[in-house]
């Protein structure tokens, strides 16, 4: 469950920047959102590979 907590924490840490970008038009916040989403994508890919590896190890 630690990996799931990592995802939740990452998404929650971006909440303020999403608000600043979408509601206030802050361009710097948009850059931080894009970086955070890239980090989320990387984390998700790592988790997918980990799950697949554990799944294949059991077969």
PDB file of N, CA and C in Angstrom:
ATOM      1  N   UNK A   1       0.817  -1.206   0.000  1.00  0.00           N
ATOM      2  CA  UNK A   1       0.000   0.000   0.000  1.00  0.00           C
ATOM      3  C   UNK A   1       0.858   1.266   0.000  1.00  0.00           C
ATOM      4  N   UNK A   2       2.141   1.108   0.239  1.00  0.00           N
ATOM      5  CA  UNK A   2       3.024   2.273   0.258  1.00  0.00           C
ATOM      6  C   UNK A   2       3.044   2.962  -1.111  1.00  0.00           C
ATOM      7  N   UNK A   3       3.005   2.178  -2.164  1.00  0.00           N
ATOM      8  CA  UNK A   3       3.030   2.759  -3.513  1.00  0.00           C
ATOM      9  C   UNK A   3       1.760   3.570  -3.777  1.00  0.00           C
ATOM     10  N   UNK A   4       0.629   3.059  -3.300  1.00  0.00           N
ATOM     11  CA  UNK A   4      -0.635   3.780  -3.456  1.00  0.00           C
ATOM     12  C   UNK A   4      -0.576   5.103  -2.691  1.00  0.00           C
ATOM     13  N   UNK A   5       0.008   5.079  -1.511  1.00  0.00           N
ATOM     14  CA  UNK A   5       0.158   6.309  -0.726  1.00  0.00           C
ATOM     15  C   UNK A   5       1.050   7.315  -1.448  1.00  0.00           C
ATOM     16  N   UNK A   6       2.071   6.830  -2.144  1.00  0.00           N
ATOM     17  CA  UNK A   6       2.927   7.721  -2.928  1.00  0.00           C
ATOM     18  C   UNK A   6       2.119   8.453  -3.992  1.00  0.00           C
ATOM     19  N   UNK A   7       1.251   7.717  -4.673  1.00  0.00           N
ATOM     20  CA  UNK A   7       0.417   8.326  -5.717  1.00  0.00           C
ATOM     21  C   UNK A   7      -0.524   9.367  -5.103  1.00  0.00           C
ATOM     22  N   UNK A   8      -1.186   8.987  -4.010  1.00  0.00           N
ATOM     23  CA  UNK A   8      -2.113   9.920  -3.363  1.00  0.00           C
ATOM     24  C   UNK A   8      -1.398  11.184  -2.918  1.00  0.00           C
ATOM     25  N   UNK A   9      -0.231  11.027  -2.309  1.00  0.00           N
ATOM     26  CA  UNK A   9       0.508  12.194  -1.834  1.00  0.00           C
ATOM     27  C   UNK A   9       0.936  13.096  -2.982  1.00  0.00           C
ATOM     28  N   UNK A  10       1.357  12.495  -4.081  1.00  0.00           N
ATOM     29  CA  UNK A  10       1.766  13.281  -5.234  1.00  0.00           C
ATOM     30  C   UNK A  10       0.589  14.072  -5.795  1.00  0.00           C
ATOM     31  N   UNK A  11      -0.539  13.426  -5.957  1.00  0.00           N
ATOM     32  CA  UNK A  11      -1.721  14.105  -6.502  1.00  0.00           C
ATOM     33  C   UNK A  11      -2.175  15.225  -5.561  1.00  0.00           C
ATOM     34  N   UNK A  12      -2.203  14.937  -4.271  1.00  0.00           N
ATOM     35  CA  UNK A  12      -2.647  15.951  -3.313  1.00  0.00           C
ATOM     36  C   UNK A  12      -1.675  17.133  -3.253  1.00  0.00           C
ATOM     37  N   UNK A  13      -0.394  16.880  -3.473  1.00  0.00           N
ATOM     38  CA  UNK A  13       0.579  17.969  -3.438  1.00  0.00           C
ATOM     39  C   UNK A  13       0.395  18.921  -4.623  1.00  0.00           C
ATOM     40  N   UNK A  14      -0.254  18.450  -5.668  1.00  0.00           N
ATOM     41  CA  UNK A  14      -0.468  19.278  -6.859  1.00  0.00           C
ATOM     42  C   UNK A  14      -1.760  20.095  -6.801  1.00  0.00           C
ATOM     43  N   UNK A  15      -2.586  19.836  -5.818  1.00  0.00           N
ATOM     44  CA  UNK A  15      -3.896  20.481  -5.753  1.00  0.00           C
ATOM     45  C   UNK A  15      -3.811  22.007  -5.799  1.00  0.00           C
ATOM     46  N   UNK A  16      -2.913  22.583  -5.023  1.00  0.00           N
ATOM     47  CA  UNK A  16      -2.777  24.034  -4.995  1.00  0.00           C
ATOM     48  C   UNK A  16      -2.360  24.603  -6.339  1.00  0.00           C
ATOM     49  N   UNK A  17      -1.436  23.915  -7.007  1.00  0.00           N
ATOM     50  CA  UNK A  17      -0.985  24.384  -8.317  1.00  0.00           C
ATOM     51  C   UNK A  17      -2.079  24.260  -9.372  1.00  0.00           C
ATOM     52  N   UNK A  18      -2.896  23.204  -9.294  1.00  0.00           N
ATOM     53  CA  UNK A  18      -4.026  23.083 -10.215  1.00  0.00           C
ATOM     54  C   UNK A  18      -4.973  24.270 -10.032  1.00  0.00           C
ATOM     55  N   UNK A  19      -5.258  24.596  -8.784  1.00  0.00           N
ATOM     56  CA  UNK A  19      -6.164  25.718  -8.501  1.00  0.00           C
ATOM     57  C   UNK A  19      -5.579  27.029  -9.018  1.00  0.00           C
ATOM     58  N   UNK A  20      -4.305  27.262  -8.739  1.00  0.00           N
ATOM     59  CA  UNK A  20      -3.663  28.498  -9.191  1.00  0.00           C
ATOM     60  C   UNK A  20      -3.672  28.607 -10.708  1.00  0.00           C
ATOM     61  N   UNK A  21      -3.447  27.490 -11.398  1.00  0.00           N
ATOM     62  CA  UNK A  21      -3.396  27.532 -12.850  1.00  0.00           C
ATOM     63  C   UNK A  21      -4.774  27.702 -13.463  1.00  0.00           C
ATOM     64  N   UNK A  22      -5.724  26.842 -13.068  1.00  0.00           N
ATOM     65  CA  UNK A  22      -7.022  26.847 -13.716  1.00  0.00           C
ATOM     66  C   UNK A  22      -7.927  27.984 -13.254  1.00  0.00           C
ATOM     67  N   UNK A  23      -7.820  28.410 -12.023  1.00  0.00           N
ATOM     68  CA  UNK A  23      -8.718  29.448 -11.535  1.00  0.00           C
ATOM     69  C   UNK A  23      -8.108  30.838 -11.593  1.00  0.00           C
ATOM     70  N   UNK A  24      -6.785  30.935 -11.468  1.00  0.00           N
ATOM     71  CA  UNK A  24      -6.144  32.247 -11.419  1.00  0.00           C
ATOM     72  C   UNK A  24      -5.256  32.529 -12.617  1.00  0.00           C
ATOM     73  N   UNK A  25      -5.040  31.507 -13.457  1.00  0.00           N
ATOM     74  CA  UNK A  25      -4.254  31.709 -14.667  1.00  0.00           C
ATOM     75  C   UNK A  25      -2.760  31.850 -14.432  1.00  0.00           C
ATOM     76  N   UNK A  26      -2.258  31.365 -13.315  1.00  0.00           N
ATOM     77  CA  UNK A  26      -0.838  31.459 -12.992  1.00  0.00           C
ATOM     78  C   UNK A  26      -0.050  30.484 -13.875  1.00  0.00           C
ATOM     79  N   UNK A  27       0.761  31.040 -14.778  1.00  0.00           N
ATOM     80  CA  UNK A  27       1.492  30.207 -15.738  1.00  0.00           C
ATOM     81  C   UNK A  27       2.574  29.363 -15.077  1.00  0.00           C
ATOM     82  N   UNK A  28       3.225  29.886 -14.042  1.00  0.00           N
ATOM     83  CA  UNK A  28       4.259  29.120 -13.338  1.00  0.00           C
ATOM     84  C   UNK A  28       3.639  27.891 -12.672  1.00  0.00           C
ATOM     85  N   UNK A  29       2.433  28.032 -12.168  1.00  0.00           N
ATOM     86  CA  UNK A  29       1.739  26.897 -11.566  1.00  0.00           C
ATOM     87  C   UNK A  29       1.456  25.841 -12.633  1.00  0.00           C
ATOM     88  N   UNK A  30       1.170  26.260 -13.840  1.00  0.00           N
ATOM     89  CA  UNK A  30       0.949  25.324 -14.939  1.00  0.00           C
ATOM     90  C   UNK A  30       2.192  24.494 -15.223  1.00  0.00           C
ATOM     91  N   UNK A  31       3.355  25.128 -15.135  1.00  0.00           N
ATOM     92  CA  UNK A  31       4.612  24.406 -15.327  1.00  0.00           C
ATOM     93  C   UNK A  31       4.789  23.363 -14.230  1.00  0.00           C
ATOM     94  N   UNK A  32       4.475  23.737 -12.996  1.00  0.00           N
ATOM     95  CA  UNK A  32       4.587  22.788 -11.886  1.00  0.00           C
ATOM     96  C   UNK A  32       3.587  21.643 -12.042  1.00  0.00           C
ATOM     97  N   UNK A  33       2.407  21.942 -12.550  1.00  0.00           N
ATOM     98  CA  UNK A  33       1.410  20.893 -12.788  1.00  0.00           C
ATOM     99  C   UNK A  33       1.930  19.907 -13.834  1.00  0.00           C
ATOM    100  N   UNK A  34       2.494  20.431 -14.919  1.00  0.00           N
ATOM    101  CA  UNK A  34       3.016  19.552 -15.958  1.00  0.00           C
ATOM    102  C   UNK A  34       4.148  18.672 -15.429  1.00  0.00           C
ATOM    103  N   UNK A  35       5.041  19.239 -14.617  1.00  0.00           N
ATOM    104  CA  UNK A  35       6.120  18.451 -14.040  1.00  0.00           C
ATOM    105  C   UNK A  35       5.557  17.385 -13.105  1.00  0.00           C
ATOM    106  N   UNK A  36       4.593  17.764 -12.286  1.00  0.00           N
ATOM    107  CA  UNK A  36       3.973  16.807 -11.371  1.00  0.00           C
ATOM    108  C   UNK A  36       3.277  15.681 -12.104  1.00  0.00           C
ATOM    109  N   UNK A  37       2.620  16.003 -13.209  1.00  0.00           N
ATOM    110  CA  UNK A  37       1.935  14.973 -13.984  1.00  0.00           C
ATOM    111  C   UNK A  37       2.946  14.038 -14.651  1.00  0.00           C
ATOM    112  N   UNK A  38       4.090  14.570 -15.056  1.00  0.00           N
ATOM    113  CA  UNK A  38       5.147  13.720 -15.614  1.00  0.00           C
ATOM    114  C   UNK A  38       5.678  12.785 -14.534  1.00  0.00           C
ATOM    115  N   UNK A  39       5.851  13.309 -13.315  1.00  0.00           N
ATOM    116  CA  UNK A  39       6.292  12.465 -12.198  1.00  0.00           C
ATOM    117  C   UNK A  39       5.264  11.378 -11.907  1.00  0.00           C
ATOM    118  N   UNK A  40       3.988  11.721 -11.996  1.00  0.00           N
ATOM    119  CA  UNK A  40       2.914  10.756 -11.773  1.00  0.00           C
ATOM    120  C   UNK A  40       2.962   9.657 -12.837  1.00  0.00           C
ATOM    121  N   UNK A  41       3.182  10.051 -14.075  1.00  0.00           N
ATOM    122  CA  UNK A  41       3.280   9.079 -15.165  1.00  0.00           C
ATOM    123  C   UNK A  41       4.435   8.121 -14.924  1.00  0.00           C
ATOM    124  N   UNK A  42       5.584   8.656 -14.533  1.00  0.00           N
ATOM    125  CA  UNK A  42       6.757   7.821 -14.263  1.00  0.00           C
ATOM    126  C   UNK A  42       6.488   6.866 -13.112  1.00  0.00           C
ATOM    127  N   UNK A  43       5.887   7.370 -12.050  1.00  0.00           N
ATOM    128  CA  UNK A  43       5.556   6.534 -10.897  1.00  0.00           C
ATOM    129  C   UNK A  43       4.584   5.432 -11.299  1.00  0.00           C
ATOM    130  N   UNK A  44       3.583   5.778 -12.091  1.00  0.00           N
ATOM    131  CA  UNK A  44       2.598   4.789 -12.539  1.00  0.00           C
ATOM    132  C   UNK A  44       3.270   3.702 -13.389  1.00  0.00           C
ATOM    133  N   UNK A  45       4.180   4.087 -14.265  1.00  0.00           N
ATOM    134  CA  UNK A  45       4.881   3.108 -15.092  1.00  0.00           C
ATOM    135  C   UNK A  45       5.727   2.173 -14.236  1.00  0.00           C
ATOM    136  N   UNK A  46       6.384   2.727 -13.225  1.00  0.00           N
ATOM    137  CA  UNK A  46       7.194   1.898 -12.330  1.00  0.00           C
ATOM    138  C   UNK A  46       6.333   0.910 -11.561  1.00  0.00           C
ATOM    139  N   UNK A  47       5.179   1.357 -11.115  1.00  0.00           N
ATOM    140  CA  UNK A  47       4.273   0.479 -10.382  1.00  0.00           C
ATOM    141  C   UNK A  47       3.744  -0.616 -11.311  1.00  0.00           C
ATOM    142  N   UNK A  48       3.403  -0.268 -12.548  1.00  0.00           N
ATOM    143  CA  UNK A  48       2.935  -1.263 -13.516  1.00  0.00           C
ATOM    144  C   UNK A  48       3.986  -2.354 -13.713  1.00  0.00           C
ATOM    145  N   UNK A  49       5.242  -1.944 -13.869  1.00  0.00           N
ATOM    146  CA  UNK A  49       6.317  -2.908 -14.077  1.00  0.00           C
ATOM    147  C   UNK A  49       6.502  -3.789 -12.840  1.00  0.00           C
ATOM    148  N   UNK A  50       6.387  -3.189 -11.674  1.00  0.00           N
ATOM    149  CA  UNK A  50       6.512  -3.948 -10.427  1.00  0.00           C
ATOM    150  C   UNK A  50       5.394  -4.976 -10.286  1.00  0.00           C
ATOM    151  N   UNK A  51       4.170  -4.567 -10.580  1.00  0.00           N
ATOM    152  CA  UNK A  51       3.022  -5.475 -10.501  1.00  0.00           C
ATOM    153  C   UNK A  51       3.176  -6.607 -11.508  1.00  0.00           C
ATOM    154  N   UNK A  52       3.563  -6.270 -12.719  1.00  0.00           N
ATOM    155  CA  UNK A  52       3.748  -7.291 -13.755  1.00  0.00           C
ATOM    156  C   UNK A  52       4.843  -8.267 -13.351  1.00  0.00           C
ATOM    157  N   UNK A  53       5.919  -7.767 -12.794  1.00  0.00           N
ATOM    158  CA  UNK A  53       7.008  -8.629 -12.355  1.00  0.00           C
ATOM    159  C   UNK A  53       6.575  -9.584 -11.262  1.00  0.00           C
ATOM    160  N   UNK A  54       5.812  -9.101 -10.303  1.00  0.00           N
ATOM    161  CA  UNK A  54       5.317  -9.977  -9.235  1.00  0.00           C
ATOM    162  C   UNK A  54       4.331 -10.983  -9.769  1.00  0.00           C
ATOM    163  N   UNK A  55       3.498 -10.549 -10.695  1.00  0.00           N
ATOM    164  CA  UNK A  55       2.510 -11.449 -11.304  1.00  0.00           C
ATOM    165  C   UNK A  55       3.205 -12.578 -12.058  1.00  0.00           C
ATOM    166  N   UNK A  56       4.221 -12.230 -12.842  1.00  0.00           N
ATOM    167  CA  UNK A  56       4.941 -13.228 -13.631  1.00  0.00           C
ATOM    168  C   UNK A  56       5.768 -14.154 -12.739  1.00  0.00           C
ATOM    169  N   UNK A  57       6.232 -13.663 -11.614  1.00  0.00           N
ATOM    170  CA  UNK A  57       7.037 -14.481 -10.706  1.00  0.00           C
ATOM    171  C   UNK A  57       6.203 -15.593 -10.082  1.00  0.00           C
ATOM    172  N   UNK A  58       4.907 -15.364  -9.947  1.00  0.00           N
ATOM    173  CA  UNK A  58       4.025 -16.360  -9.334  1.00  0.00           C
ATOM    174  C   UNK A  58       3.614 -17.457 -10.316  1.00  0.00           C
ATOM    175  N   UNK A  59       3.803 -17.203 -11.583  1.00  0.00           N
ATOM    176  CA  UNK A  59       3.380 -18.183 -12.604  1.00  0.00           C
ATOM    177  C   UNK A  59       4.398 -19.248 -12.822  1.00  0.00           C
TER     178      UNK A  59
END
